[in-house]
C-alpha atoms as a PDB file:
ATOM      1  CA  MET A   1     -11.986 -42.280 -23.614  1.00  0.00           C
ATOM      2  CA  PHE A   2     -13.827 -41.736 -20.312  1.00  0.00           C
ATOM      3  CA  LEU A   3     -12.329 -42.204 -16.871  1.00  0.00           C
ATOM      4  CA  SER A   4     -14.110 -44.547 -14.517  1.00  0.00           C
ATOM      5  CA  GLY A   5     -15.667 -43.241 -11.324  1.00  0.00           C
ATOM      6  CA  LYS A   6     -12.841 -44.703  -9.250  1.00  0.00           C
ATOM      7  CA  LEU A   7     -10.225 -42.922 -11.331  1.00  0.00           C
ATOM      8  CA  SER A   8     -12.055 -39.630 -11.621  1.00  0.00           C
ATOM      9  CA  THR A   9     -12.660 -39.131  -7.883  1.00  0.00           C
ATOM     10  CA  PRO A  10      -9.000 -38.263  -7.055  1.00  0.00           C
ATOM     11  CA  PHE A  11      -8.937 -35.779  -9.925  1.00  0.00           C
ATOM     12  CA  ILE A  12     -12.109 -34.129  -8.623  1.00  0.00           C
ATOM     13  CA  LEU A  13     -10.587 -33.856  -5.155  1.00  0.00           C
ATOM     14  CA  ILE A  14      -7.382 -32.416  -6.571  1.00  0.00           C
ATOM     15  CA  GLY A  15      -9.391 -29.901  -8.607  1.00  0.00           C
ATOM     16  CA  ILE A  16     -11.398 -28.823  -5.556  1.00  0.00           C
ATOM     17  CA  THR A  17      -8.226 -28.507  -3.485  1.00  0.00           C
ATOM     18  CA  VAL A  18      -6.533 -26.367  -6.129  1.00  0.00           C
ATOM     19  CA  ALA A  19      -9.631 -24.183  -6.514  1.00  0.00           C
ATOM     20  CA  VAL A  20      -9.868 -23.606  -2.758  1.00  0.00           C
ATOM     21  CA  ALA A  21      -6.144 -22.798  -2.561  1.00  0.00           C
ATOM     22  CA  VAL A  22      -6.438 -20.285  -5.409  1.00  0.00           C
ATOM     23  CA  ILE A  23      -9.446 -18.569  -3.812  1.00  0.00           C
ATOM     24  CA  LEU A  24      -7.651 -18.368  -0.455  1.00  0.00           C
ATOM     25  CA  LYS A  25      -4.571 -16.856  -2.111  1.00  0.00           C
ATOM     26  CA  LEU A  26      -6.570 -14.352  -4.170  1.00  0.00           C
ATOM     27  CA  PHE A  27      -9.000 -13.119  -1.531  1.00  0.00           C
ATOM     28  CA  VAL A  28      -7.986 -14.311   1.945  1.00  0.00           C
ATOM     29  CA  ILE A  29      -4.250 -14.642   2.550  1.00  0.00           C
ATOM     30  CA  ASP A  30      -1.088 -14.154   0.525  1.00  0.00           C
ATOM     31  CA  ALA A  31       2.654 -13.968   1.055  1.00  0.00           C
ATOM     32  CA  ALA A  32       5.363 -11.462   0.126  1.00  0.00           C
ATOM     33  CA  VAL A  33       9.065 -10.966   0.722  1.00  0.00           C
ATOM     34  CA  VAL A  34      10.353  -7.565   1.834  1.00  0.00           C
ATOM     35  CA  PRO A  35      13.453  -6.423  -0.118  1.00  0.00           C
ATOM     36  CA  THR A  36      14.276  -3.119   1.625  1.00  0.00           C
ATOM     37  CA  HIS A  37      15.108  -1.714   5.077  1.00  0.00           C
ATOM     38  CA  SER A  38      12.393   0.980   5.043  1.00  0.00           C
ATOM     39  CA  MET A  39      10.211  -0.673   7.719  1.00  0.00           C
ATOM     40  CA  GLU A  40      12.918  -1.620  10.214  1.00  0.00           C
ATOM     41  CA  PRO A  41      12.829  -2.623  12.983  1.00  0.00           C
ATOM     42  CA  ALA A  42       9.258  -3.982  12.642  1.00  0.00           C
ATOM     43  CA  ILE A  43      10.050  -5.626   9.302  1.00  0.00           C
ATOM     44  CA  ARG A  44      13.563  -6.283   8.049  1.00  0.00           C
ATOM     45  CA  ALA A  45      14.875  -6.882   4.553  1.00  0.00           C
ATOM     46  CA  GLY A  46      14.635 -10.611   3.924  1.00  0.00           C
ATOM     47  CA  ASP A  47      11.490 -11.128   6.002  1.00  0.00           C
ATOM     48  CA  PHE A  48       8.780 -13.240   4.370  1.00  0.00           C
ATOM     49  CA  ILE A  49       5.398 -11.978   5.539  1.00  0.00           C
ATOM     50  CA  LEU A  50       1.793 -13.152   5.441  1.00  0.00           C
ATOM     51  CA  ILE A  51      -0.793 -10.680   4.126  1.00  0.00           C
ATOM     52  CA  ASN A  52      -4.363 -10.757   5.460  1.00  0.00           C
ATOM     53  CA  LYS A  53      -6.426  -9.760   2.407  1.00  0.00           C
ATOM     54  CA  LEU A  54      -9.795 -10.406   4.002  1.00  0.00           C
ATOM     55  CA  ILE A  55      -9.657  -7.971   6.902  1.00  0.00           C
ATOM     56  CA  HIS A  56      -9.818  -4.781   4.807  1.00  0.00           C
ATOM     57  CA  GLY A  57     -11.723  -6.199   1.832  1.00  0.00           C
ATOM     58  CA  SER A  58      -9.802  -7.517  -1.159  1.00  0.00           C
ATOM     59  CA  ARG A  59     -10.441  -6.433  -4.763  1.00  0.00           C
ATOM     60  CA  SER A  60     -10.311  -8.751  -7.770  1.00  0.00           C
ATOM     61  CA  SER A  61      -8.612  -6.044  -9.864  1.00  0.00           C
ATOM     62  CA  HIS A  62      -5.567  -6.259  -7.547  1.00  0.00           C
ATOM     63  CA  ASN A  63      -5.515 -10.033  -7.484  1.00  0.00           C
ATOM     64  CA  VAL A  64      -6.308 -10.902 -11.100  1.00  0.00           C
ATOM     65  CA  PRO A  65      -5.355  -7.812 -13.142  1.00  0.00           C
ATOM     66  CA  LEU A  66      -5.377  -9.670 -16.466  1.00  0.00           C
ATOM     67  CA  ILE A  67      -9.126 -10.306 -16.299  1.00  0.00           C
ATOM     68  CA  SER A  68     -10.168  -6.954 -14.846  1.00  0.00           C
ATOM     69  CA  SER A  69     -11.051  -5.706 -18.338  1.00  0.00           C
ATOM     70  CA  ILE A  70     -13.290  -8.732 -18.959  1.00  0.00           C
ATOM     71  CA  PHE A  71     -15.081  -9.198 -15.641  1.00  0.00           C
ATOM     72  CA  PRO A  72     -16.404  -6.525 -13.257  1.00  0.00           C
ATOM     73  CA  ASP A  73     -14.214  -5.496 -10.352  1.00  0.00           C
ATOM     74  CA  ILE A  74     -15.280  -7.471  -7.273  1.00  0.00           C
ATOM     75  CA  GLN A  75     -14.907  -5.881  -3.829  1.00  0.00           C
ATOM     76  CA  ILE A  76     -14.992  -8.276  -0.875  1.00  0.00           C
ATOM     77  CA  PRO A  77     -16.629  -6.573   2.157  1.00  0.00           C
ATOM     78  CA  SER A  78     -14.086  -5.596   4.813  1.00  0.00           C
ATOM     79  CA  LEU A  79     -14.183  -6.994   8.336  1.00  0.00           C
ATOM     80  CA  ARG A  80     -12.943  -3.740   9.877  1.00  0.00           C
ATOM     81  CA  THR A  81     -11.838  -0.296   8.817  1.00  0.00           C
ATOM     82  CA  ILE A  82      -8.216   0.701   8.362  1.00  0.00           C
ATOM     83  CA  GLY A  83      -6.726   2.213  11.509  1.00  0.00           C
ATOM     84  CA  ARG A  84      -3.823   4.539  12.228  1.00  0.00           C
ATOM     85  CA  GLY A  85      -0.735   2.460  12.822  1.00  0.00           C
ATOM     86  CA  ASP A  86      -1.804  -0.454  10.605  1.00  0.00           C
ATOM     87  CA  VAL A  87       1.031  -1.918   8.531  1.00  0.00           C
ATOM     88  CA  LEU A  88      -0.446  -2.315   5.054  1.00  0.00           C
ATOM     89  CA  PHE A  89       0.509  -4.070   1.841  1.00  0.00           C
ATOM     90  CA  PHE A  90      -0.596  -1.993  -1.149  1.00  0.00           C
ATOM     91  CA  GLU A  91      -0.146  -1.078  -4.797  1.00  0.00           C
ATOM     92  CA  LEU A  92       1.427   2.301  -5.538  1.00  0.00           C
ATOM     93  CA  PRO A  93      -0.893   4.932  -7.053  1.00  0.00           C
ATOM     94  CA  ALA A  94      -0.937   5.065 -10.841  1.00  0.00           C
ATOM     95  CA  GLY A  95       1.734   7.341 -12.274  1.00  0.00           C
ATOM     96  CA  SER A  96       3.971   7.240  -9.186  1.00  0.00           C
ATOM     97  CA  ARG A  97       6.234   4.375 -10.263  1.00  0.00           C
ATOM     98  CA  SER A  98       9.689   5.428 -11.341  1.00  0.00           C
ATOM     99  CA  ALA A  99      12.513   3.423 -12.856  1.00  0.00           C
ATOM    100  CA  GLY A 100      13.863   0.793 -10.476  1.00  0.00           C
ATOM    101  CA  ARG A 101      10.928   1.090  -8.043  1.00  0.00           C
ATOM    102  CA  HIS A 102       8.682  -1.773  -7.029  1.00  0.00           C
ATOM    103  CA  LYS A 103       4.955  -1.940  -7.737  1.00  0.00           C
ATOM    104  CA  TYR A 104       3.911  -3.215  -4.304  1.00  0.00           C
ATOM    105  CA  TYR A 105       4.961  -1.794  -0.941  1.00  0.00           C
ATOM    106  CA  VAL A 106       4.581  -2.324   2.804  1.00  0.00           C
ATOM    107  CA  LYS A 107       4.297   0.819   4.933  1.00  0.00           C
ATOM    108  CA  ARG A 108       2.596   2.029   8.091  1.00  0.00           C
ATOM    109  CA  CYS A 109      -0.597   4.093   7.807  1.00  0.00           C
ATOM    110  CA  ILE A 110      -0.145   7.197   9.966  1.00  0.00           C
ATOM    111  CA  GLY A 111      -2.904   9.364   8.500  1.00  0.00           C
ATOM    112  CA  LEU A 112      -6.510   8.573   7.574  1.00  0.00           C
ATOM    113  CA  ALA A 113      -8.761  10.589   5.267  1.00  0.00           C
ATOM    114  CA  GLY A 114      -9.349  14.005   6.867  1.00  0.00           C
ATOM    115  CA  ASP A 115      -6.399  13.792   9.284  1.00  0.00           C
ATOM    116  CA  THR A 116      -3.907  16.633   9.691  1.00  0.00           C
ATOM    117  CA  VAL A 117      -0.307  15.395   9.622  1.00  0.00           C
ATOM    118  CA  LEU A 118       2.422  17.677  10.951  1.00  0.00           C
ATOM    119  CA  PHE A 119       6.118  16.910  10.463  1.00  0.00           C
ATOM    120  CA  GLU A 120       8.375  18.776  12.871  1.00  0.00           C
ATOM    121  CA  LYS A 121      12.127  18.478  13.324  1.00  0.00           C
ATOM    122  CA  ASP A 122      12.056  15.661  15.863  1.00  0.00           C
ATOM    123  CA  ARG A 123       8.428  14.573  16.049  1.00  0.00           C
ATOM    124  CA  ILE A 124       5.307  13.795  14.029  1.00  0.00           C
ATOM    125  CA  ARG A 125       1.839  14.872  15.136  1.00  0.00           C
ATOM    126  CA  ILE A 126      -1.499  13.543  13.901  1.00  0.00           C
ATOM    127  CA  ASN A 127      -4.425  15.864  14.640  1.00  0.00           C
ATOM    128  CA  GLY A 128      -2.226  17.516  17.283  1.00  0.00           C
ATOM    129  CA  ASN A 129      -1.234  14.255  18.995  1.00  0.00           C
ATOM    130  CA  GLU A 130       2.385  13.121  18.837  1.00  0.00           C
ATOM    131  CA  ILE A 131       2.880   9.579  17.561  1.00  0.00           C
ATOM    132  CA  SER A 132       5.528   7.248  18.920  1.00  0.00           C
ATOM    133  CA  ARG A 133       8.480   6.403  16.699  1.00  0.00           C
ATOM    134  CA  THR A 134      10.882   3.466  16.770  1.00  0.00           C
ATOM    135  CA  ASP A 135      13.744   5.466  15.233  1.00  0.00           C
ATOM    136  CA  SER A 136      15.605   8.505  16.563  1.00  0.00           C
ATOM    137  CA  GLU A 137      16.339  10.142  13.224  1.00  0.00           C
ATOM    138  CA  GLU A 138      15.643  13.840  12.807  1.00  0.00           C
ATOM    139  CA  ILE A 139      13.279  14.645   9.967  1.00  0.00           C
ATOM    140  CA  ASP A 140      14.928  16.202   6.918  1.00  0.00           C
ATOM    141  CA  GLU A 141      14.213  19.876   6.375  1.00  0.00           C
ATOM    142  CA  LYS A 142      12.579  19.115   3.031  1.00  0.00           C
ATOM    143  CA  ASP A 143       9.985  17.002   4.863  1.00  0.00           C
ATOM    144  CA  LEU A 144       8.982  19.645   7.428  1.00  0.00           C
ATOM    145  CA  MET A 145       5.364  20.279   6.495  1.00  0.00           C
ATOM    146  CA  LYS A 146       1.735  20.328   7.506  1.00  0.00           C
ATOM    147  CA  ILE A 147      -0.739  18.478   5.309  1.00  0.00           C
ATOM    148  CA  VAL A 148      -4.378  17.404   5.381  1.00  0.00           C
ATOM    149  CA  VAL A 149      -5.124  13.950   4.000  1.00  0.00           C
ATOM    150  CA  PRO A 150      -7.871  14.266   1.334  1.00  0.00           C
ATOM    151  CA  ARG A 151     -11.223  12.573   1.853  1.00  0.00           C
ATOM    152  CA  ARG A 152     -14.198  11.963  -0.373  1.00  0.00           C
ATOM    153  CA  GLY A 153     -16.206  15.181  -0.789  1.00  0.00           C
ATOM    154  CA  ASP A 154     -13.404  17.608   0.101  1.00  0.00           C
ATOM    155  CA  ILE A 155     -13.220  20.694  -2.116  1.00  0.00           C
ATOM    156  CA  LEU A 156      -9.788  21.554  -3.511  1.00  0.00           C
ATOM    157  CA  HIS A 157      -9.328  25.200  -4.446  1.00  0.00           C
ATOM    158  CA  LEU A 158      -7.219  25.356  -7.569  1.00  0.00           C
ATOM    159  CA  ASN A 159      -4.886  28.058  -8.782  1.00  0.00           C
ATOM    160  CA  ALA A 160      -1.668  28.194 -10.779  1.00  0.00           C
ATOM    161  CA  LEU A 161       0.425  27.526  -7.654  1.00  0.00           C
ATOM    162  CA  ALA A 162      -1.703  24.808  -6.021  1.00  0.00           C
ATOM    163  CA  VAL A 163      -2.515  22.789  -9.127  1.00  0.00           C
ATOM    164  CA  ALA A 164       0.911  21.093  -9.157  1.00  0.00           C
ATOM    165  CA  ASP A 165       0.201  19.597  -5.702  1.00  0.00           C
ATOM    166  CA  TRP A 166      -3.094  18.078  -6.833  1.00  0.00           C
ATOM    167  CA  LYS A 167      -2.427  17.180 -10.453  1.00  0.00           C
ATOM    168  CA  SER A 168      -1.482  13.537  -9.807  1.00  0.00           C
ATOM    169  CA  LEU A 169      -4.488  13.034  -7.497  1.00  0.00           C
ATOM    170  CA  ILE A 170      -6.925  14.438 -10.055  1.00  0.00           C
ATOM    171  CA  MET A 171      -5.406  12.379 -12.866  1.00  0.00           C
ATOM    172  CA  GLY A 172      -5.431   9.310 -10.616  1.00  0.00           C
ATOM    173  CA  GLU A 173      -9.196   9.734 -10.238  1.00  0.00           C
ATOM    174  CA  GLY A 174      -9.524   9.451 -14.011  1.00  0.00           C
ATOM    175  CA  HIS A 175      -9.596  13.080 -15.160  1.00  0.00           C
ATOM    176  CA  SER A 176      -7.471  15.078 -17.579  1.00  0.00           C
ATOM    177  CA  ILE A 177      -5.967  18.336 -16.338  1.00  0.00           C
ATOM    178  CA  GLU A 178      -3.918  21.058 -18.003  1.00  0.00           C
ATOM    179  CA  ILE A 179      -3.132  24.757 -17.707  1.00  0.00           C
ATOM    180  CA  ALA A 180      -3.980  26.894 -20.720  1.00  0.00           C
ATOM    181  CA  GLY A 181      -3.641  30.657 -20.734  1.00  0.00           C
ATOM    182  CA  GLY A 182      -3.533  30.748 -16.955  1.00  0.00           C
ATOM    183  CA  ALA A 183      -6.782  28.771 -16.670  1.00  0.00           C
ATOM    184  CA  ILE A 184      -6.985  25.261 -15.155  1.00  0.00           C
ATOM    185  CA  ILE A 185      -8.781  22.907 -17.527  1.00  0.00           C
ATOM    186  CA  ILE A 186     -10.247  19.654 -16.158  1.00  0.00           C
ATOM    187  CA  ASP A 187     -11.904  17.332 -18.668  1.00  0.00           C
ATOM    188  CA  GLY A 188     -12.000  20.173 -21.168  1.00  0.00           C
ATOM    189  CA  GLU A 189     -13.696  22.689 -18.878  1.00  0.00           C
ATOM    190  CA  PRO A 190     -12.148  25.606 -16.922  1.00  0.00           C
ATOM    191  CA  ARG A 191     -12.322  24.941 -13.166  1.00  0.00           C
ATOM    192  CA  THR A 192     -11.332  26.742  -9.978  1.00  0.00           C
ATOM    193  CA  GLU A 193     -12.419  23.906  -7.665  1.00  0.00           C
ATOM    194  CA  TYR A 194     -12.324  20.130  -7.626  1.00  0.00           C
ATOM    195  CA  ARG A 195     -14.354  17.739  -5.463  1.00  0.00           C
ATOM    196  CA  VAL A 196     -12.329  14.750  -4.238  1.00  0.00           C
ATOM    197  CA  GLU A 197     -13.923  11.432  -5.232  1.00  0.00           C
ATOM    198  CA  LYS A 198     -11.982   8.961  -3.054  1.00  0.00           C
ATOM    199  CA  ASP A 199     -10.669   8.537   0.483  1.00  0.00           C
ATOM    200  CA  TYR A 200      -6.888   8.636   0.892  1.00  0.00           C
ATOM    201  CA  LEU A 201      -4.224   7.514   3.358  1.00  0.00           C
ATOM    202  CA  PHE A 202      -0.802   8.847   4.321  1.00  0.00           C
ATOM    203  CA  MET A 203       1.788   6.057   4.430  1.00  0.00           C
ATOM    204  CA  LEU A 204       5.187   6.257   6.130  1.00  0.00           C
ATOM    205  CA  GLY A 205       8.089   3.875   6.641  1.00  0.00           C
ATOM    206  CA  ASP A 206       9.261   3.231  10.221  1.00  0.00           C
ATOM    207  CA  ASN A 207      12.866   3.742   9.085  1.00  0.00           C
ATOM    208  CA  ILE A 208      11.983   7.284   8.086  1.00  0.00           C
ATOM    209  CA  ARG A 209      15.370   8.338   6.682  1.00  0.00           C
ATOM    210  CA  PHE A 210      15.444   5.453   4.188  1.00  0.00           C
ATOM    211  CA  SER A 211      11.806   5.124   3.175  1.00  0.00           C
ATOM    212  CA  TYR A 212      10.131   5.833  -0.172  1.00  0.00           C
ATOM    213  CA  ASP A 213       6.619   6.731   0.968  1.00  0.00           C
ATOM    214  CA  SER A 214       3.822   9.319   0.831  1.00  0.00           C
ATOM    215  CA  ARG A 215       6.361  12.105   1.263  1.00  0.00           C
ATOM    216  CA  ASP A 216       7.672  11.137  -2.188  1.00  0.00           C
ATOM    217  CA  TRP A 217       4.705   9.822  -4.184  1.00  0.00           C
ATOM    218  CA  GLY A 218       1.745  11.433  -2.418  1.00  0.00           C
ATOM    219  CA  PHE A 219      -1.455  10.117  -0.890  1.00  0.00           C
ATOM    220  CA  LEU A 220      -2.544   6.498  -1.236  1.00  0.00           C
ATOM    221  CA  PRO A 221      -6.082   5.851  -2.496  1.00  0.00           C
ATOM    222  CA  GLN A 222      -7.698   3.619   0.113  1.00  0.00           C
ATOM    223  CA  GLU A 223      -8.853   1.279  -2.649  1.00  0.00           C
ATOM    224  CA  ASN A 224      -5.184   0.477  -3.419  1.00  0.00           C
ATOM    225  CA  VAL A 225      -4.793  -1.360  -0.111  1.00  0.00           C
ATOM    226  CA  ILE A 226      -4.444  -5.092  -0.747  1.00  0.00           C
ATOM    227  CA  GLY A 227      -4.190  -6.302   2.828  1.00  0.00           C
ATOM    228  CA  LYS A 228      -2.711  -5.990   6.305  1.00  0.00           C
ATOM    229  CA  ALA A 229       0.757  -7.334   7.071  1.00  0.00           C
ATOM    230  CA  MET A 230       0.112  -9.979   9.690  1.00  0.00           C
ATOM    231  CA  MET A 231       3.098 -12.197  10.546  1.00  0.00           C
ATOM    232  CA  ILE A 232       6.669 -13.077   9.609  1.00  0.00           C
ATOM    233  CA  TYR A 233       6.692 -16.739   8.610  1.00  0.00           C
ATOM    234  CA  TRP A 234      10.296 -16.944   7.375  1.00  0.00           C
ATOM    235  CA  SER A 235      13.326 -14.680   7.575  1.00  0.00           C
ATOM    236  CA  VAL A 236      16.723 -14.792   5.928  1.00  0.00           C
ATOM    237  CA  ASP A 237      19.549 -12.300   6.329  1.00  0.00           C
ATOM    238  CA  ASP A 238      19.792 -10.241   3.140  1.00  0.00           C
ATOM    239  CA  ARG A 239      23.564 -10.575   2.880  1.00  0.00           C
ATOM    240  CA  PRO A 240      24.819 -11.948  -0.476  1.00  0.00           C
ATOM    241  CA  LYS A 241      24.076 -15.660  -0.794  1.00  0.00           C
ATOM    242  CA  ASN A 242      27.736 -16.549  -1.309  1.00  0.00           C
ATOM    243  CA  SER A 243      28.860 -14.736   1.846  1.00  0.00           C
ATOM    244  CA  SER A 244      27.735 -17.449   4.268  1.00  0.00           C
ATOM    245  CA  PRO A 245      25.814 -20.752   4.352  1.00  0.00           C
ATOM    246  CA  LEU A 246      22.016 -20.586   4.228  1.00  0.00           C
ATOM    247  CA  LEU A 247      21.502 -22.086   7.678  1.00  0.00           C
ATOM    248  CA  SER A 248      23.630 -19.396   9.282  1.00  0.00           C
ATOM    249  CA  ARG A 249      21.613 -16.677   7.526  1.00  0.00           C
ATOM    250  CA  ILE A 250      18.199 -17.870   8.758  1.00  0.00           C
ATOM    251  CA  ARG A 251      16.864 -15.536  11.466  1.00  0.00           C
ATOM    252  CA  TRP A 252      15.094 -18.125  13.592  1.00  0.00           C
ATOM    253  CA  ASN A 253      14.079 -15.597  16.261  1.00  0.00           C
ATOM    254  CA  ARG A 254      11.948 -13.679  13.776  1.00  0.00           C
ATOM    255  CA  ILE A 255       9.926 -16.636  12.484  1.00  0.00           C
ATOM    256  CA  GLY A 256       6.373 -16.458  13.848  1.00  0.00           C
ATOM    257  CA  THR A 257       6.700 -12.794  14.913  1.00  0.00           C
ATOM    258  CA  LEU A 258       3.456 -10.821  14.686  1.00  0.00           C
ATOM    259  CA  ILE A 259       3.733  -7.510  12.842  1.00  0.00           C
ATOM    260  CA  ARG A 260       2.579  -4.545  14.939  1.00  0.00           C
END
């Protein structure tokens, strides 16, 4: 049985509307709720945020993972490059997820590919320049370090001591690596060097004492960035739901706040 033209027109309009909404959600703008306190005070637990997927170029493999094995990975051209200080929504690098951890995170990018990041007791320096912090926490002794964020084309010199630091990065770029008889074997061949294939970022939570970030799981491949956190469109206190009425838990002063 065929629908008449008068009856089919609304269905066509509904179909177009749904298709446009899906495309906007997949490649232009999305929403997420933040469950932790790691980005306070910029973002608080219970904030609902809008993610700008278009600005840094969205990938279909992030948005539609179930079809990534059927269709080629589509990269939407970015409108601008990622900058230091950008608050980004991203997928954790492969192999870094542990039990109870989330797959997607929001953190601040403090180091771009090629940058030197120095953690001191009470300050953080990027390429020698101190960055401003919103917290006053001293940095834990275990985090005192100087690192260089890898970039495409960098040569990593491998030995028995250094290979542990780079194993996850090399495996994340799709290679096998093992140590046999003191030799480092990559893709079945002994190697003393490795050329980095991707650009990476160093991500850090504003609430540095309570953040699970690049200090724990390493460098973030730039291609794992899904979008830039843009605005808080809704916010609810993360206290237990039965502790107080919903209306009293809504943080009205945070709604519409731009994320910087």
